[in-house]
Amino acid sequence: MPAPQASTVDQVIGIYRRVLETDDVTADSDFFDVGGDSLLATRVISAIARDLGPELTIDTFLDAPTPRAVAELIASVSA
């Protein structure tokens, strides 16, 4: 999988923080461990599609719930 650009990781962190309404998110924070649930996951997926382009599925998101992993998915789709 291609390495994500730092800016993409930062953008995904920003989306997580906005949706979860917390600053306690790092590149390796598991979405569900910092307060996420399936309904909030759909909001994150929508924000990623709107802000960054790729449309992830819920299954893909569940398999890669950290900002770094999501950024790697975006890099692989964009490559």
PDB file of N, CA and C in Angstrom:
ATOM      1  N   MET A   1       0.848  -1.179   0.000  1.00  0.00           N
ATOM      2  CA  MET A   1       0.000   0.000   0.000  1.00  0.00           C
ATOM      3  C   MET A   1       0.894   1.243   0.000  1.00  0.00           C
ATOM      4  N   PRO A   2       0.585   2.254  -0.796  1.00  0.00           N
ATOM      5  CA  PRO A   2       1.402   3.464  -0.803  1.00  0.00           C
ATOM      6  C   PRO A   2       1.340   4.188   0.539  1.00  0.00           C
ATOM      7  N   ALA A   3       2.438   4.825   0.894  1.00  0.00           N
ATOM      8  CA  ALA A   3       2.466   5.596   2.138  1.00  0.00           C
ATOM      9  C   ALA A   3       1.623   6.859   1.972  1.00  0.00           C
ATOM     10  N   PRO A   4       0.819   7.167   2.965  1.00  0.00           N
ATOM     11  CA  PRO A   4      -0.004   8.369   2.864  1.00  0.00           C
ATOM     12  C   PRO A   4       0.831   9.622   3.083  1.00  0.00           C
ATOM     13  N   GLN A   5       0.405  10.711   2.490  1.00  0.00           N
ATOM     14  CA  GLN A   5       1.058  11.987   2.748  1.00  0.00           C
ATOM     15  C   GLN A   5       0.620  12.467   4.127  1.00  0.00           C
ATOM     16  N   ALA A   6       1.522  13.152   4.815  1.00  0.00           N
ATOM     17  CA  ALA A   6       1.219  13.655   6.159  1.00  0.00           C
ATOM     18  C   ALA A   6      -0.016  14.540   6.140  1.00  0.00           C
ATOM     19  N   SER A   7      -0.189  15.314   5.087  1.00  0.00           N
ATOM     20  CA  SER A   7      -1.347  16.210   5.028  1.00  0.00           C
ATOM     21  C   SER A   7      -2.657  15.429   4.982  1.00  0.00           C
ATOM     22  N   THR A   8      -2.652  14.266   4.311  1.00  0.00           N
ATOM     23  CA  THR A   8      -3.864  13.444   4.273  1.00  0.00           C
ATOM     24  C   THR A   8      -4.179  12.899   5.653  1.00  0.00           C
ATOM     25  N   VAL A   9      -3.153  12.439   6.357  1.00  0.00           N
ATOM     26  CA  VAL A   9      -3.354  11.948   7.723  1.00  0.00           C
ATOM     27  C   VAL A   9      -3.925  13.073   8.584  1.00  0.00           C
ATOM     28  N   ASP A  10      -3.354  14.269   8.456  1.00  0.00           N
ATOM     29  CA  ASP A  10      -3.837  15.421   9.235  1.00  0.00           C
ATOM     30  C   ASP A  10      -5.280  15.767   8.887  1.00  0.00           C
ATOM     31  N   GLN A  11      -5.640  15.670   7.625  1.00  0.00           N
ATOM     32  CA  GLN A  11      -7.021  15.950   7.218  1.00  0.00           C
ATOM     33  C   GLN A  11      -7.983  14.927   7.817  1.00  0.00           C
ATOM     34  N   VAL A  12      -7.583  13.661   7.812  1.00  0.00           N
ATOM     35  CA  VAL A  12      -8.445  12.616   8.392  1.00  0.00           C
ATOM     36  C   VAL A  12      -8.554  12.815   9.904  1.00  0.00           C
ATOM     37  N   ILE A  13      -7.453  13.171  10.557  1.00  0.00           N
ATOM     38  CA  ILE A  13      -7.504  13.475  11.994  1.00  0.00           C
ATOM     39  C   ILE A  13      -8.502  14.602  12.238  1.00  0.00           C
ATOM     40  N   GLY A  14      -8.469  15.627  11.413  1.00  0.00           N
ATOM     41  CA  GLY A  14      -9.404  16.747  11.546  1.00  0.00           C
ATOM     42  C   GLY A  14     -10.848  16.315  11.409  1.00  0.00           C
ATOM     43  N   ILE A  15     -11.111  15.416  10.467  1.00  0.00           N
ATOM     44  CA  ILE A  15     -12.477  14.904  10.284  1.00  0.00           C
ATOM     45  C   ILE A  15     -12.905  14.119  11.521  1.00  0.00           C
ATOM     46  N   TYR A  16     -12.045  13.245  12.014  1.00  0.00           N
ATOM     47  CA  TYR A  16     -12.366  12.485  13.227  1.00  0.00           C
ATOM     48  C   TYR A  16     -12.681  13.441  14.380  1.00  0.00           C
ATOM     49  N   ARG A  17     -11.813  14.431  14.574  1.00  0.00           N
ATOM     50  CA  ARG A  17     -12.001  15.369  15.686  1.00  0.00           C
ATOM     51  C   ARG A  17     -13.312  16.122  15.557  1.00  0.00           C
ATOM     52  N   ARG A  18     -13.640  16.542  14.354  1.00  0.00           N
ATOM     53  CA  ARG A  18     -14.883  17.282  14.123  1.00  0.00           C
ATOM     54  C   ARG A  18     -16.107  16.401  14.403  1.00  0.00           C
ATOM     55  N   VAL A  19     -16.098  15.190  13.870  1.00  0.00           N
ATOM     56  CA  VAL A  19     -17.252  14.292  14.033  1.00  0.00           C
ATOM     57  C   VAL A  19     -17.382  13.811  15.478  1.00  0.00           C
ATOM     58  N   LEU A  20     -16.253  13.492  16.095  1.00  0.00           N
ATOM     59  CA  LEU A  20     -16.277  12.973  17.471  1.00  0.00           C
ATOM     60  C   LEU A  20     -16.333  14.080  18.524  1.00  0.00           C
ATOM     61  N   GLU A  21     -16.129  15.318  18.077  1.00  0.00           N
ATOM     62  CA  GLU A  21     -16.138  16.472  18.971  1.00  0.00           C
ATOM     63  C   GLU A  21     -15.140  16.303  20.122  1.00  0.00           C
ATOM     64  N   THR A  22     -13.907  15.919  19.747  1.00  0.00           N
ATOM     65  CA  THR A  22     -12.828  15.774  20.719  1.00  0.00           C
ATOM     66  C   THR A  22     -11.497  16.044  20.033  1.00  0.00           C
ATOM     67  N   ASP A  23     -10.556  16.554  20.801  1.00  0.00           N
ATOM     68  CA  ASP A  23      -9.205  16.756  20.293  1.00  0.00           C
ATOM     69  C   ASP A  23      -8.312  15.561  20.597  1.00  0.00           C
ATOM     70  N   ASP A  24      -8.852  14.554  21.273  1.00  0.00           N
ATOM     71  CA  ASP A  24      -8.078  13.384  21.680  1.00  0.00           C
ATOM     72  C   ASP A  24      -7.955  12.356  20.555  1.00  0.00           C
ATOM     73  N   VAL A  25      -7.517  12.808  19.382  1.00  0.00           N
ATOM     74  CA  VAL A  25      -7.342  11.927  18.234  1.00  0.00           C
ATOM     75  C   VAL A  25      -5.934  12.128  17.689  1.00  0.00           C
ATOM     76  N   THR A  26      -5.216  11.020  17.527  1.00  0.00           N
ATOM     77  CA  THR A  26      -3.896  11.044  16.907  1.00  0.00           C
ATOM     78  C   THR A  26      -3.954  10.181  15.649  1.00  0.00           C
ATOM     79  N   ALA A  27      -2.856  10.099  14.951  1.00  0.00           N
ATOM     80  CA  ALA A  27      -2.806   9.314  13.711  1.00  0.00           C
ATOM     81  C   ALA A  27      -3.132   7.841  13.950  1.00  0.00           C
ATOM     82  N   ASP A  28      -2.861   7.356  15.158  1.00  0.00           N
ATOM     83  CA  ASP A  28      -3.070   5.939  15.452  1.00  0.00           C
ATOM     84  C   ASP A  28      -4.249   5.662  16.381  1.00  0.00           C
ATOM     85  N   SER A  29      -5.115   6.650  16.567  1.00  0.00           N
ATOM     86  CA  SER A  29      -6.295   6.454  17.413  1.00  0.00           C
ATOM     87  C   SER A  29      -7.331   5.605  16.686  1.00  0.00           C
ATOM     88  N   ASP A  30      -7.802   4.574  17.357  1.00  0.00           N
ATOM     89  CA  ASP A  30      -8.886   3.762  16.810  1.00  0.00           C
ATOM     90  C   ASP A  30     -10.189   4.542  16.973  1.00  0.00           C
ATOM     91  N   PHE A  31     -10.896   4.724  15.881  1.00  0.00           N
ATOM     92  CA  PHE A  31     -12.127   5.503  15.874  1.00  0.00           C
ATOM     93  C   PHE A  31     -13.089   5.070  16.979  1.00  0.00           C
ATOM     94  N   PHE A  32     -13.228   3.787  17.166  1.00  0.00           N
ATOM     95  CA  PHE A  32     -14.200   3.268  18.120  1.00  0.00           C
ATOM     96  C   PHE A  32     -13.703   3.379  19.566  1.00  0.00           C
ATOM     97  N   ASP A  33     -12.403   3.389  19.761  1.00  0.00           N
ATOM     98  CA  ASP A  33     -11.843   3.546  21.102  1.00  0.00           C
ATOM     99  C   ASP A  33     -11.933   4.976  21.618  1.00  0.00           C
ATOM    100  N   VAL A  34     -12.094   5.938  20.716  1.00  0.00           N
ATOM    101  CA  VAL A  34     -12.191   7.346  21.135  1.00  0.00           C
ATOM    102  C   VAL A  34     -13.631   7.851  21.069  1.00  0.00           C
ATOM    103  N   GLY A  35     -14.593   6.928  21.080  1.00  0.00           N
ATOM    104  CA  GLY A  35     -15.989   7.317  21.199  1.00  0.00           C
ATOM    105  C   GLY A  35     -16.847   7.159  19.963  1.00  0.00           C
ATOM    106  N   GLY A  36     -16.286   6.618  18.894  1.00  0.00           N
ATOM    107  CA  GLY A  36     -17.063   6.449  17.662  1.00  0.00           C
ATOM    108  C   GLY A  36     -18.008   5.271  17.724  1.00  0.00           C
ATOM    109  N   ASP A  37     -19.032   5.335  16.893  1.00  0.00           N
ATOM    110  CA  ASP A  37     -19.963   4.228  16.724  1.00  0.00           C
ATOM    111  C   ASP A  37     -20.331   4.145  15.245  1.00  0.00           C
ATOM    112  N   SER A  38     -21.189   3.210  14.891  1.00  0.00           N
ATOM    113  CA  SER A  38     -21.488   2.997  13.473  1.00  0.00           C
ATOM    114  C   SER A  38     -22.179   4.206  12.835  1.00  0.00           C
ATOM    115  N   LEU A  39     -23.004   4.909  13.577  1.00  0.00           N
ATOM    116  CA  LEU A  39     -23.661   6.093  13.009  1.00  0.00           C
ATOM    117  C   LEU A  39     -22.656   7.215  12.761  1.00  0.00           C
ATOM    118  N   LEU A  40     -21.755   7.424  13.704  1.00  0.00           N
ATOM    119  CA  LEU A  40     -20.720   8.431  13.506  1.00  0.00           C
ATOM    120  C   LEU A  40     -19.752   8.017  12.397  1.00  0.00           C
ATOM    121  N   ALA A  41     -19.533   6.720  12.238  1.00  0.00           N
ATOM    122  CA  ALA A  41     -18.665   6.235  11.160  1.00  0.00           C
ATOM    123  C   ALA A  41     -19.228   6.644   9.804  1.00  0.00           C
ATOM    124  N   THR A  42     -20.531   6.590   9.644  1.00  0.00           N
ATOM    125  CA  THR A  42     -21.121   7.010   8.361  1.00  0.00           C
ATOM    126  C   THR A  42     -20.889   8.498   8.124  1.00  0.00           C
ATOM    127  N   ARG A  43     -20.880   9.296   9.182  1.00  0.00           N
ATOM    128  CA  ARG A  43     -20.579  10.730   9.039  1.00  0.00           C
ATOM    129  C   ARG A  43     -19.131  10.939   8.628  1.00  0.00           C
ATOM    130  N   VAL A  44     -18.220  10.155   9.195  1.00  0.00           N
ATOM    131  CA  VAL A  44     -16.808  10.251   8.822  1.00  0.00           C
ATOM    132  C   VAL A  44     -16.636   9.857   7.355  1.00  0.00           C
ATOM    133  N   ILE A  45     -17.254   8.775   6.949  1.00  0.00           N
ATOM    134  CA  ILE A  45     -17.156   8.308   5.564  1.00  0.00           C
ATOM    135  C   ILE A  45     -17.684   9.371   4.597  1.00  0.00           C
ATOM    136  N   SER A  46     -18.793  10.001   4.943  1.00  0.00           N
ATOM    137  CA  SER A  46     -19.348  11.069   4.104  1.00  0.00           C
ATOM    138  C   SER A  46     -18.412  12.266   4.035  1.00  0.00           C
ATOM    139  N   ALA A  47     -17.832  12.635   5.176  1.00  0.00           N
ATOM    140  CA  ALA A  47     -16.905  13.776   5.207  1.00  0.00           C
ATOM    141  C   ALA A  47     -15.651  13.479   4.394  1.00  0.00           C
ATOM    142  N   ILE A  48     -15.161  12.251   4.457  1.00  0.00           N
ATOM    143  CA  ILE A  48     -13.989  11.879   3.667  1.00  0.00           C
ATOM    144  C   ILE A  48     -14.307  11.991   2.180  1.00  0.00           C
ATOM    145  N   ALA A  49     -15.464  11.491   1.776  1.00  0.00           N
ATOM    146  CA  ALA A  49     -15.858  11.583   0.367  1.00  0.00           C
ATOM    147  C   ALA A  49     -15.984  13.041  -0.066  1.00  0.00           C
ATOM    148  N   ARG A  50     -16.576  13.858   0.766  1.00  0.00           N
ATOM    149  CA  ARG A  50     -16.788  15.273   0.440  1.00  0.00           C
ATOM    150  C   ARG A  50     -15.472  16.051   0.423  1.00  0.00           C
ATOM    151  N   ASP A  51     -14.627  15.833   1.424  1.00  0.00           N
ATOM    152  CA  ASP A  51     -13.410  16.634   1.579  1.00  0.00           C
ATOM    153  C   ASP A  51     -12.203  16.094   0.809  1.00  0.00           C
ATOM    154  N   LEU A  52     -12.126  14.763   0.671  1.00  0.00           N
ATOM    155  CA  LEU A  52     -10.919  14.164   0.106  1.00  0.00           C
ATOM    156  C   LEU A  52     -11.156  13.391  -1.184  1.00  0.00           C
ATOM    157  N   GLY A  53     -12.400  13.083  -1.499  1.00  0.00           N
ATOM    158  CA  GLY A  53     -12.694  12.439  -2.773  1.00  0.00           C
ATOM    159  C   GLY A  53     -13.128  10.986  -2.714  1.00  0.00           C
ATOM    160  N   PRO A  54     -12.299  10.084  -2.188  1.00  0.00           N
ATOM    161  CA  PRO A  54     -12.664   8.661  -2.229  1.00  0.00           C
ATOM    162  C   PRO A  54     -13.886   8.325  -1.377  1.00  0.00           C
ATOM    163  N   GLU A  55     -14.700   7.442  -1.906  1.00  0.00           N
ATOM    164  CA  GLU A  55     -15.867   6.964  -1.166  1.00  0.00           C
ATOM    165  C   GLU A  55     -15.539   5.594  -0.592  1.00  0.00           C
ATOM    166  N   LEU A  56     -15.329   5.547   0.715  1.00  0.00           N
ATOM    167  CA  LEU A  56     -15.030   4.304   1.401  1.00  0.00           C
ATOM    168  C   LEU A  56     -16.327   3.606   1.778  1.00  0.00           C
ATOM    169  N   THR A  57     -16.272   2.285   1.880  1.00  0.00           N
ATOM    170  CA  THR A  57     -17.428   1.536   2.368  1.00  0.00           C
ATOM    171  C   THR A  57     -17.314   1.397   3.880  1.00  0.00           C
ATOM    172  N   ILE A  58     -18.413   1.088   4.513  1.00  0.00           N
ATOM    173  CA  ILE A  58     -18.383   0.888   5.965  1.00  0.00           C
ATOM    174  C   ILE A  58     -17.476  -0.294   6.316  1.00  0.00           C
ATOM    175  N   ASP A  59     -17.495  -1.346   5.499  1.00  0.00           N
ATOM    176  CA  ASP A  59     -16.638  -2.504   5.767  1.00  0.00           C
ATOM    177  C   ASP A  59     -15.167  -2.135   5.679  1.00  0.00           C
ATOM    178  N   THR A  60     -14.806  -1.333   4.694  1.00  0.00           N
ATOM    179  CA  THR A  60     -13.423  -0.884   4.565  1.00  0.00           C
ATOM    180  C   THR A  60     -13.026  -0.053   5.770  1.00  0.00           C
ATOM    181  N   PHE A  61     -13.916   0.835   6.189  1.00  0.00           N
ATOM    182  CA  PHE A  61     -13.636   1.676   7.344  1.00  0.00           C
ATOM    183  C   PHE A  61     -13.474   0.837   8.616  1.00  0.00           C
ATOM    184  N   LEU A  62     -14.315  -0.159   8.793  1.00  0.00           N
ATOM    185  CA  LEU A  62     -14.221  -1.023   9.974  1.00  0.00           C
ATOM    186  C   LEU A  62     -12.893  -1.777  10.013  1.00  0.00           C
ATOM    187  N   ASP A  63     -12.354  -2.107   8.849  1.00  0.00           N
ATOM    188  CA  ASP A  63     -11.073  -2.813   8.772  1.00  0.00           C
ATOM    189  C   ASP A  63      -9.883  -1.885   8.995  1.00  0.00           C
ATOM    190  N   ALA A  64     -10.088  -0.578   8.847  1.00  0.00           N
ATOM    191  CA  ALA A  64      -8.993   0.390   8.967  1.00  0.00           C
ATOM    192  C   ALA A  64      -9.483   1.614   9.729  1.00  0.00           C
ATOM    193  N   PRO A  65      -9.718   1.487  11.045  1.00  0.00           N
ATOM    194  CA  PRO A  65     -10.389   2.566  11.786  1.00  0.00           C
ATOM    195  C   PRO A  65      -9.500   3.688  12.330  1.00  0.00           C
ATOM    196  N   THR A  66      -8.200   3.698  11.984  1.00  0.00           N
ATOM    197  CA  THR A  66      -7.339   4.789  12.455  1.00  0.00           C
ATOM    198  C   THR A  66      -7.137   5.813  11.337  1.00  0.00           C
ATOM    199  N   PRO A  67      -6.873   7.057  11.677  1.00  0.00           N
ATOM    200  CA  PRO A  67      -6.605   8.056  10.631  1.00  0.00           C
ATOM    201  C   PRO A  67      -5.469   7.644   9.698  1.00  0.00           C
ATOM    202  N   ARG A  68      -4.405   7.065  10.244  1.00  0.00           N
ATOM    203  CA  ARG A  68      -3.288   6.640   9.398  1.00  0.00           C
ATOM    204  C   ARG A  68      -3.731   5.555   8.414  1.00  0.00           C
ATOM    205  N   ALA A  69      -4.501   4.581   8.882  1.00  0.00           N
ATOM    206  CA  ALA A  69      -4.973   3.505   8.010  1.00  0.00           C
ATOM    207  C   ALA A  69      -5.934   4.034   6.944  1.00  0.00           C
ATOM    208  N   VAL A  70      -6.800   4.958   7.323  1.00  0.00           N
ATOM    209  CA  VAL A  70      -7.717   5.569   6.359  1.00  0.00           C
ATOM    210  C   VAL A  70      -6.921   6.342   5.303  1.00  0.00           C
ATOM    211  N   ALA A  71      -5.908   7.073   5.727  1.00  0.00           N
ATOM    212  CA  ALA A  71      -5.067   7.819   4.787  1.00  0.00           C
ATOM    213  C   ALA A  71      -4.349   6.857   3.826  1.00  0.00           C
ATOM    214  N   GLU A  72      -3.926   5.713   4.320  1.00  0.00           N
ATOM    215  CA  GLU A  72      -3.303   4.703   3.456  1.00  0.00           C
ATOM    216  C   GLU A  72      -4.297   4.190   2.420  1.00  0.00           C
ATOM    217  N   LEU A  73      -5.552   3.987   2.832  1.00  0.00           N
ATOM    218  CA  LEU A  73      -6.591   3.578   1.888  1.00  0.00           C
ATOM    219  C   LEU A  73      -6.798   4.646   0.812  1.00  0.00           C
ATOM    220  N   ILE A  74      -6.847   5.888   1.244  1.00  0.00           N
ATOM    221  CA  ILE A  74      -7.033   6.997   0.295  1.00  0.00           C
ATOM    222  C   ILE A  74      -5.859   7.049  -0.680  1.00  0.00           C
ATOM    223  N   ALA A  75      -4.641   6.859  -0.185  1.00  0.00           N
ATOM    224  CA  ALA A  75      -3.462   6.869  -1.046  1.00  0.00           C
ATOM    225  C   ALA A  75      -3.507   5.721  -2.054  1.00  0.00           C
ATOM    226  N   SER A  76      -3.996   4.557  -1.628  1.00  0.00           N
ATOM    227  CA  SER A  76      -4.046   3.401  -2.532  1.00  0.00           C
ATOM    228  C   SER A  76      -5.134   3.581  -3.594  1.00  0.00           C
ATOM    229  N   VAL A  77      -6.221   4.227  -3.238  1.00  0.00           N
ATOM    230  CA  VAL A  77      -7.304   4.471  -4.205  1.00  0.00           C
ATOM    231  C   VAL A  77      -6.885   5.558  -5.183  1.00  0.00           C
ATOM    232  N   SER A  78      -6.128   6.534  -4.702  1.00  0.00           N
ATOM    233  CA  SER A  78      -5.726   7.678  -5.519  1.00  0.00           C
ATOM    234  C   SER A  78      -4.528   7.368  -6.415  1.00  0.00           C
ATOM    235  N   ALA A  79      -3.831   6.261  -6.119  1.00  0.00           N
ATOM    236  CA  ALA A  79      -2.611   5.938  -6.872  1.00  0.00           C
ATOM    237  C   ALA A  79      -2.924   5.406  -8.251  1.00  0.00           C
TER     238      ALA A  79
END
